[in-house]
């Protein structure tokens, strides 16, 4: 069904209220409130989990991936303050943007120290501890990090982090990242393990190299060690469907779930009336339909061999 057809079916089932009439309640040829019903319904069905059985919906077209590379920086020391706390190292060419290199790692003469604060005006990296061998002016300094922010393309720091995918078209399945599923180190041809809940990798930060684990913390990915080289990663993720705006747009969900979008829109629309029995009936209709619909994951298993193999062990 198209956006136009979905709106019409919801409006008709609600008794054709005049304030939702697609032919009169328009904005640039569209019906804003019914558009919301349809688009929010699509999101809710994409994230559906049965309130009783806990059965989840899996939409294959909402699984996607993006590629990104690690970032390391090289600079030279222009000044040092190791005599009094807080300790710092000034660099020569870093950008003058406060906090941009907070939590990065400064490596000089093989020693690694964490940047606890970055003063952009002076290109000054405050570090968590002194160096065993005090750096000298003109020493080479490397900046590594053990994390990447998930940022929109317009963010000032985007060159050094992961650019969130923009929405292009439904068939390319990009944009609207909801959660990271897995992380693959393509350079070293291995899948990184997801770290245990509560991991912070503090004990791993006296060394650097290729990561083997990752966790998500807020809006960033954290690796089990600072990365000291150029690595390409593939990030696999689950996403939300793209909103429909044109009358001819179709949902990203498979056809069997189009009717579920209509049922969700009916349920949501009936809540305006305050009629509890009608609202409950609409909810029951939606729940029953979702429970009885054959999902993609179930079809996926049709040609899998579910039979076991009996192995006989001989003993003397």
Protein backbone atom coordinates (compact mmCIF):
# COMPACT_ATOMS: atom_id res chain seq x y z
CA UNK A 1 0.00 0.00 0.00
CA UNK A 2 1.09 3.56 -0.63
CA UNK A 3 1.00 6.38 1.90
CA UNK A 4 -2.19 7.64 0.24
CA UNK A 5 -3.87 4.24 0.54
CA UNK A 6 -2.78 3.76 4.16
CA UNK A 7 -4.17 7.16 5.14
CA UNK A 8 -7.45 6.48 3.38
CA UNK A 9 -7.98 3.13 5.10
CA UNK A 10 -7.26 4.56 8.55
CA UNK A 11 -9.56 7.52 7.92
CA UNK A 12 -12.35 5.28 6.64
CA UNK A 13 -12.11 2.91 9.64
CA UNK A 14 -12.27 5.87 12.03
CA UNK A 15 -15.62 6.89 10.54
CA UNK A 16 -14.24 9.56 8.20
CA UNK A 17 -13.89 12.41 10.75
CA UNK A 18 -13.93 15.72 8.92
CA UNK A 19 -10.78 17.04 10.60
CA UNK A 20 -8.81 14.10 9.20
CA UNK A 21 -10.24 14.21 5.68
CA UNK A 22 -7.20 13.81 3.42
CA UNK A 23 -8.82 16.02 0.77
CA UNK A 24 -9.21 19.02 3.07
CA UNK A 25 -6.75 18.68 5.94
CA UNK A 26 -3.72 19.23 3.75
CA UNK A 27 -0.29 20.75 3.86
CA UNK A 28 1.60 20.75 0.57
CA UNK A 29 -0.86 18.15 -0.69
CA UNK A 30 -0.45 15.87 2.36
CA UNK A 31 -2.40 15.28 5.55
CA UNK A 32 -0.03 16.02 8.44
CA UNK A 33 -1.90 14.18 11.21
CA UNK A 34 -2.65 11.07 9.17
CA UNK A 35 0.95 11.11 7.95
CA UNK A 36 1.99 10.93 11.57
CA UNK A 37 -0.35 8.00 12.19
CA UNK A 38 1.15 6.10 9.26
CA UNK A 39 4.82 6.89 9.92
CA UNK A 40 4.63 6.32 13.65
CA UNK A 41 2.68 3.13 12.98
CA UNK A 42 5.48 1.93 10.69
CA UNK A 43 8.06 2.58 13.43
CA UNK A 44 5.98 0.85 16.10
CA UNK A 45 5.46 -2.25 13.97
CA UNK A 46 9.17 -2.35 13.10
CA UNK A 47 9.93 -2.40 16.84
CA UNK A 48 7.01 -4.65 17.81
CA UNK A 49 7.41 -7.04 20.72
CA UNK A 50 4.31 -8.95 21.80
CA UNK A 51 3.29 -7.70 25.26
CA UNK A 52 2.53 -11.27 26.43
CA UNK A 53 4.63 -13.74 24.44
CA UNK A 54 7.60 -11.35 24.01
CA UNK A 55 7.85 -12.48 20.37
CA UNK A 56 9.75 -9.85 18.39
CA UNK A 57 9.36 -8.74 14.80
CA UNK A 58 12.46 -9.05 12.60
CA UNK A 59 12.50 -6.92 9.44
CA UNK A 60 15.39 -7.92 7.18
CA UNK A 61 15.37 -4.65 5.21
CA UNK A 62 16.10 -2.74 8.42
CA UNK A 63 19.47 -4.43 8.91
CA UNK A 64 22.25 -2.41 7.30
CA UNK A 65 25.96 -1.60 7.52
CA UNK A 66 28.43 1.23 7.08
CA UNK A 67 32.21 1.35 6.69
CA UNK A 68 34.55 3.67 8.54
CA UNK A 69 38.25 3.90 9.33
CA UNK A 70 40.22 4.56 12.50
CA UNK A 71 41.90 7.92 13.04
CA UNK A 72 45.40 8.60 14.38
CA UNK A 73 47.16 11.97 14.44
CA UNK A 74 50.83 12.98 14.42
CA UNK A 75 52.22 16.28 15.73
CA UNK A 76 55.33 17.71 17.39
CA UNK A 77 55.86 18.93 20.95
CA UNK A 78 56.11 22.71 21.33
CA UNK A 79 56.08 22.99 25.12
CA UNK A 80 56.01 20.87 28.29
CA UNK A 81 54.75 21.35 31.83
CA UNK A 82 55.70 18.35 33.96
CA UNK A 83 56.88 20.09 37.12
CA UNK A 84 53.54 21.02 38.65
CA UNK A 85 50.05 19.58 38.51
CA UNK A 86 48.09 19.69 36.23
CA UNK A 87 50.66 18.25 33.82
CA UNK A 88 50.51 19.17 30.15
CA UNK A 89 52.14 18.94 26.74
CA UNK A 90 51.68 21.63 24.10
CA UNK A 91 51.54 20.58 20.45
CA UNK A 92 52.19 22.51 17.27
CA UNK A 93 49.44 22.08 14.70
CA UNK A 94 46.31 20.59 16.33
CA UNK A 95 43.03 22.35 15.75
CA UNK A 96 42.13 25.11 18.19
CA UNK A 97 38.83 23.67 19.42
CA UNK A 98 38.40 23.11 23.14
CA UNK A 99 37.76 19.52 24.33
CA UNK A 100 38.14 17.99 20.88
CA UNK A 101 40.87 15.58 22.03
CA UNK A 102 39.55 14.84 25.50
CA UNK A 103 40.01 11.12 26.30
CA UNK A 104 42.45 10.57 23.45
CA UNK A 105 45.91 9.13 24.25
CA UNK A 106 49.15 11.00 23.81
CA UNK A 107 52.12 8.80 22.90
CA UNK A 108 55.62 10.26 23.09
CA UNK A 109 58.82 8.16 22.99
CA UNK A 110 56.76 5.01 23.43
CA UNK A 111 55.04 6.22 26.61
CA UNK A 112 51.26 6.62 26.66
CA UNK A 113 49.25 9.09 28.73
CA UNK A 114 45.55 9.92 28.66
CA UNK A 115 44.44 13.43 27.62
CA UNK A 116 42.06 14.49 30.38
CA UNK A 117 41.41 17.94 28.93
CA UNK A 118 42.30 19.76 25.74
CA UNK A 119 42.81 23.54 25.71
CA UNK A 120 42.38 24.50 22.08
CA UNK A 121 43.67 28.05 22.38
CA UNK A 122 47.12 26.84 23.45
CA UNK A 123 46.89 23.43 21.72
CA UNK A 124 47.54 22.08 25.21
CA UNK A 125 46.93 18.46 26.18
CA UNK A 126 46.53 18.02 29.93
CA UNK A 127 47.53 14.43 30.78
CA UNK A 128 46.58 12.20 33.70
CA UNK A 129 50.17 11.63 34.87
CA UNK A 130 53.74 12.67 34.21
CA UNK A 131 55.93 10.90 31.63
CA UNK A 132 58.77 8.77 32.98
CA UNK A 133 61.03 10.53 30.48
CA UNK A 134 60.03 14.16 30.17
CA UNK A 135 59.22 14.99 26.53
CA UNK A 136 61.39 17.59 24.80
CA UNK A 137 60.43 20.29 22.36
CA UNK A 138 60.34 18.92 18.77
CA UNK A 139 59.68 15.35 19.93
CA UNK A 140 57.18 13.51 17.76
CA UNK A 141 53.79 13.06 19.43
CA UNK A 142 51.07 10.65 18.38
CA UNK A 143 47.40 10.88 19.29
CA UNK A 144 45.43 7.62 19.42
CA UNK A 145 41.92 6.99 20.69
CA UNK A 146 39.95 4.04 21.98
CA UNK A 147 36.54 5.32 20.98
CA UNK A 148 34.52 6.80 18.14
CA UNK A 149 31.49 9.05 18.40
CA UNK A 150 28.45 8.38 16.21
CA UNK A 151 27.98 11.82 14.65
CA UNK A 152 25.93 13.47 11.91
CA UNK A 153 27.80 14.63 8.82
CA UNK A 154 27.46 18.29 9.87
CA UNK A 155 29.33 17.89 13.17
CA UNK A 156 32.65 19.75 13.48
CA UNK A 157 34.49 16.62 14.67
CA UNK A 158 33.19 14.30 11.97
CA UNK A 159 36.59 13.83 10.24
CA UNK A 160 37.84 11.88 13.27
CA UNK A 161 34.74 9.82 14.11
CA UNK A 162 31.93 7.70 12.62
CA UNK A 163 29.61 9.51 10.25
CA UNK A 164 26.01 8.41 10.72
CA UNK A 165 24.49 7.33 7.40
CA UNK A 166 22.06 9.68 5.72
CA UNK A 167 18.77 8.44 4.33
CA UNK A 168 19.07 7.86 0.58
CA UNK A 169 16.35 5.46 -0.52
CA UNK A 170 14.47 2.52 0.95
CA UNK A 171 16.20 -0.02 -1.28
CA UNK A 172 19.68 0.90 -0.10
CA UNK A 173 18.55 0.61 3.52
CA UNK A 174 20.55 3.46 5.02
CA UNK A 175 20.00 6.03 7.74
CA UNK A 176 18.11 6.07 11.04
CA UNK A 177 20.63 3.98 12.99
CA UNK A 178 18.99 2.59 16.12
CA UNK A 179 21.56 0.18 17.54
CA UNK A 180 24.86 -1.44 16.61
CA UNK A 181 24.66 -5.20 16.04
CA UNK A 182 28.26 -6.17 15.33
CA UNK A 183 31.65 -4.71 14.46
CA UNK A 184 34.07 -6.25 11.95
CA UNK A 185 37.76 -5.40 11.59
CA UNK A 186 38.06 -5.69 7.80
CA UNK A 187 41.79 -4.93 7.76
CA UNK A 188 42.64 -7.87 10.03
CA UNK A 189 39.68 -9.97 8.82
CA UNK A 190 38.03 -10.70 12.15
CA UNK A 191 34.86 -9.91 14.05
CA UNK A 192 35.39 -8.00 17.27
CA UNK A 193 33.78 -9.46 20.38
CA UNK A 194 31.18 -7.41 22.20
CA UNK A 195 32.50 -6.63 25.67
CA UNK A 196 30.73 -7.67 28.84
CA UNK A 197 28.20 -5.32 30.39
CA UNK A 198 30.01 -2.86 32.63
CA UNK A 199 33.35 -3.16 30.82
CA UNK A 200 35.44 0.01 30.80
CA UNK A 201 38.87 -1.36 29.73
CA UNK A 202 40.73 0.95 32.13
CA UNK A 203 43.41 -1.68 32.77
CA UNK A 204 44.14 -2.05 29.04
CA UNK A 205 45.20 1.53 28.41
CA UNK A 206 48.89 1.27 29.12
CA UNK A 207 49.22 -0.40 25.73
CA UNK A 208 47.89 0.25 22.25
CA UNK A 209 47.31 -1.76 19.09
CA UNK A 210 44.49 -3.52 17.25
CA UNK A 211 41.26 -3.82 19.25
CA UNK A 212 39.58 -7.17 19.92
CA UNK A 213 36.48 -6.02 21.84
CA UNK A 214 34.03 -3.14 21.83
CA UNK A 215 31.09 -1.80 23.83
CA UNK A 216 28.61 0.97 23.20
CA UNK A 217 28.54 3.73 25.81
CA UNK A 218 26.09 6.53 25.15
CA UNK A 219 26.65 7.92 21.68
CA UNK A 220 30.02 6.31 21.09
CA UNK A 221 31.76 2.99 20.59
CA UNK A 222 34.58 2.19 22.99
CA UNK A 223 37.34 -0.28 22.10
CA UNK A 224 39.41 -2.35 24.50
CA UNK A 225 42.57 -0.41 23.64
CA UNK A 226 43.71 2.73 21.79
CA UNK A 227 44.16 2.10 18.06
CA UNK A 228 47.62 2.91 16.70
CA UNK A 229 47.17 2.25 13.00
CA UNK A 230 44.90 2.51 9.99
CA UNK A 231 42.03 0.03 10.23
CA UNK A 232 38.84 -0.23 8.19
CA UNK A 233 35.77 -1.35 10.12
CA UNK A 234 32.35 -2.55 9.02
CA UNK A 235 29.62 -1.60 11.47
CA UNK A 236 26.40 -3.62 11.17
CA UNK A 237 23.32 -2.04 12.68
CA UNK A 238 19.56 -2.15 13.03
CA UNK A 239 17.74 0.92 11.82
CA UNK A 240 14.33 2.54 11.86
CA UNK A 241 12.30 2.77 8.65
CA UNK A 242 12.32 5.92 6.55
CA UNK A 243 9.33 8.25 6.91
CA UNK A 244 6.91 8.51 4.01
CA UNK A 245 5.99 11.97 2.75
CA UNK A 246 4.82 11.65 -0.86
CA UNK A 247 1.43 10.12 -1.60
CA UNK A 248 3.03 7.36 -3.68
CA UNK A 249 5.65 6.40 -1.08
CA UNK A 250 5.44 2.85 0.26
CA UNK A 251 6.46 1.50 3.69
CA UNK A 252 9.84 -0.17 4.08
CA UNK A 253 8.14 -3.05 5.87
CA UNK A 254 7.04 -6.15 3.93
CA UNK A 255 3.47 -6.16 2.56
CA UNK A 256 1.96 -8.32 5.38
CA UNK A 257 2.78 -5.55 7.85
CA UNK A 258 1.04 -2.81 5.86
CA UNK A 259 -2.29 -3.89 7.34
CA UNK A 260 -0.65 -3.80 10.79
CA UNK A 261 0.23 -0.13 10.17
CA UNK A 262 -3.44 0.50 9.39
CA UNK A 263 -4.52 -1.29 12.60
CA UNK A 264 -2.06 0.75 14.66
CA UNK A 265 -3.36 3.96 13.08
CA UNK A 266 -6.94 2.96 13.88
CA UNK A 267 -6.04 2.20 17.50
CA UNK A 268 -4.18 5.48 17.89
CA UNK A 269 -6.96 7.45 16.21
CA UNK A 270 -9.64 5.93 18.48
CA UNK A 271 -7.80 7.15 21.56
CA UNK A 272 -8.98 10.66 20.62
CA UNK A 273 -12.58 9.60 21.24
CA UNK A 274 -12.06 8.39 24.79
CA UNK A 275 -14.19 5.30 24.16
CA UNK A 276 -12.32 2.71 26.20
CA UNK A 277 -14.10 -0.33 24.77
CA UNK A 278 -13.41 0.72 21.15
CA UNK A 279 -9.77 1.45 21.97
CA UNK A 280 -9.34 -1.94 23.65
CA UNK A 281 -11.00 -3.75 20.74
CA UNK A 282 -8.68 -2.01 18.27
CA UNK A 283 -5.67 -2.97 20.38
CA UNK A 284 -6.80 -6.58 20.54
CA UNK A 285 -7.24 -6.63 16.76
CA UNK A 286 -3.69 -5.34 16.29
CA UNK A 287 -2.20 -7.78 18.80
CA UNK A 288 -4.03 -10.76 17.33
CA UNK A 289 -2.96 -9.84 13.83
CA UNK A 290 0.68 -9.51 14.84
CA UNK A 291 0.57 -12.87 16.64
CA UNK A 292 -0.90 -14.65 13.64
CA UNK A 293 1.31 -13.11 10.95
CA UNK A 294 4.06 -15.29 9.51
CA UNK A 295 7.30 -13.36 9.96
CA UNK A 296 10.45 -13.19 7.86
CA UNK A 297 12.54 -15.07 10.41
CA UNK A 298 10.07 -17.97 10.27
CA UNK A 299 10.21 -18.09 6.47
CA UNK A 300 14.00 -17.94 6.69
CA UNK A 301 14.02 -21.30 8.49
CA UNK A 302 11.97 -23.16 5.89
CA UNK A 303 14.94 -24.84 4.18
CA UNK A 304 17.05 -25.38 7.26
CA UNK A 305 17.70 -28.94 8.34
CA UNK A 306 16.16 -29.19 11.79
CA UNK A 307 17.01 -32.87 12.24
CA UNK A 308 19.65 -33.91 14.70
CA UNK A 309 22.44 -36.41 14.10
CA UNK A 310 22.92 -39.28 16.52
CA UNK A 311 26.54 -40.14 17.20
CA UNK A 312 27.31 -43.52 18.74
CA UNK A 313 30.34 -43.78 20.95
CA UNK A 314 32.00 -47.21 21.13
CA UNK A 315 33.74 -48.18 24.29
CA UNK A 316 35.88 -51.20 24.96
